[in-house]
Amino acid sequence: MRQKFAIKNSVASGVVITNVDPESSAAEKHVEAGDVIVEINQEPVKEPADIAKKIEALKSGGKKSALLLVANGQGEVRFVAIGLP
């Protein structure tokens, strides 16, 4: 994935986004394939299952959004708030 999306080694951990629904909240916030989710609500993620668990926990807790720390392939990070379906 690192080679496919030209992700620099400075992006040491996280989960690579391989596809973004163009109608989603993430797409509206300019999240795109090749970005890396590093944290959700200030908790690190290392594999796709971590993301699913954290999103499900937020939904069951009544939350309407999640705060993602997202790195692009160059290693620049930003926070992105996305609505939960």
Protein backbone atom coordinates (compact mmCIF):
# COMPACT_ATOMS: atom_id res chain seq x y z
CA MET A 1 0.00 0.00 0.00
CA ARG A 2 2.87 2.35 0.82
CA GLN A 3 4.18 2.05 -2.76
CA LYS A 4 0.77 2.07 -4.43
CA PHE A 5 -0.22 5.36 -2.79
CA ALA A 6 3.32 6.82 -2.52
CA ILE A 7 3.15 7.10 1.27
CA LYS A 8 6.37 8.37 2.79
CA ASN A 9 8.11 6.50 5.59
CA SER A 10 7.40 9.44 7.92
CA VAL A 11 3.83 8.10 8.13
CA ALA A 12 4.77 5.32 10.52
CA SER A 13 1.40 3.88 11.55
CA GLY A 14 -2.29 3.97 10.86
CA VAL A 15 -4.74 2.54 8.34
CA VAL A 16 -4.58 3.43 4.65
CA ILE A 17 -7.82 4.59 3.07
CA THR A 18 -8.26 2.72 -0.21
CA ASN A 19 -11.65 4.06 -1.28
CA VAL A 20 -13.90 6.99 -0.37
CA ASP A 21 -17.59 7.14 -1.26
CA PRO A 22 -17.98 10.38 -3.22
CA GLU A 23 -21.30 11.05 -1.43
CA SER A 24 -19.85 10.59 2.07
CA SER A 25 -19.03 13.05 4.82
CA ALA A 26 -15.36 12.10 4.40
CA ALA A 27 -15.38 13.06 0.72
CA GLU A 28 -16.92 16.42 1.60
CA LYS A 29 -13.93 16.98 3.93
CA HIS A 30 -11.45 16.11 1.13
CA VAL A 31 -10.41 12.76 2.58
CA GLU A 32 -9.16 10.63 -0.29
CA ALA A 33 -7.68 7.26 -1.15
CA GLY A 34 -4.06 7.15 -0.03
CA ASP A 35 -4.70 9.16 3.14
CA VAL A 36 -3.90 7.36 6.39
CA ILE A 37 -6.16 7.39 9.46
CA VAL A 38 -3.78 7.69 12.40
CA GLU A 39 -6.27 8.26 15.24
CA ILE A 40 -10.00 8.33 15.92
CA ASN A 41 -11.05 10.58 18.81
CA GLN A 42 -7.41 10.73 19.93
CA GLU A 43 -7.01 6.94 20.09
CA PRO A 44 -4.49 5.32 17.72
CA VAL A 45 -5.62 2.86 15.06
CA LYS A 46 -3.34 0.21 13.59
CA GLU A 47 -5.66 -2.02 11.56
CA PRO A 48 -9.06 -1.78 9.87
CA ALA A 49 -10.74 -3.70 12.70
CA ASP A 50 -9.69 -0.90 15.11
CA ILE A 51 -11.60 1.62 13.01
CA ALA A 52 -14.75 -0.51 12.91
CA LYS A 53 -14.64 -1.03 16.70
CA LYS A 54 -14.09 2.64 17.49
CA ILE A 55 -16.82 3.84 15.12
CA GLU A 56 -19.28 1.28 16.52
CA ALA A 57 -18.42 2.33 20.10
CA LEU A 58 -19.02 5.99 19.21
CA LYS A 59 -22.37 5.18 17.60
CA SER A 60 -23.52 3.07 20.56
CA GLY A 61 -22.51 5.92 22.84
CA GLY A 62 -24.88 8.19 20.94
CA LYS A 63 -22.19 10.19 19.15
CA LYS A 64 -23.08 11.78 15.81
CA SER A 65 -19.49 12.42 14.63
CA ALA A 66 -15.91 11.22 14.95
CA LEU A 67 -12.69 13.23 14.97
CA LEU A 68 -10.05 11.66 12.75
CA LEU A 69 -6.36 12.48 12.66
CA VAL A 70 -5.50 11.92 9.00
CA ALA A 71 -2.08 12.00 7.33
CA ASN A 72 -1.63 12.42 3.61
CA GLY A 73 1.05 10.49 1.72
CA GLN A 74 3.56 13.28 2.33
CA GLY A 75 3.12 13.00 6.10
CA GLU A 76 1.11 16.20 6.60
CA VAL A 77 -1.52 15.64 9.29
CA ARG A 78 -4.87 17.29 9.88
CA PHE A 79 -7.96 16.74 11.98
CA VAL A 80 -11.18 15.89 10.16
CA ALA A 81 -14.60 15.66 11.81
CA ILE A 82 -16.91 13.27 9.97
CA GLY A 83 -20.56 12.50 10.55
CA LEU A 84 -21.44 8.97 11.54
CA PRO A 85 -24.08 7.19 9.44
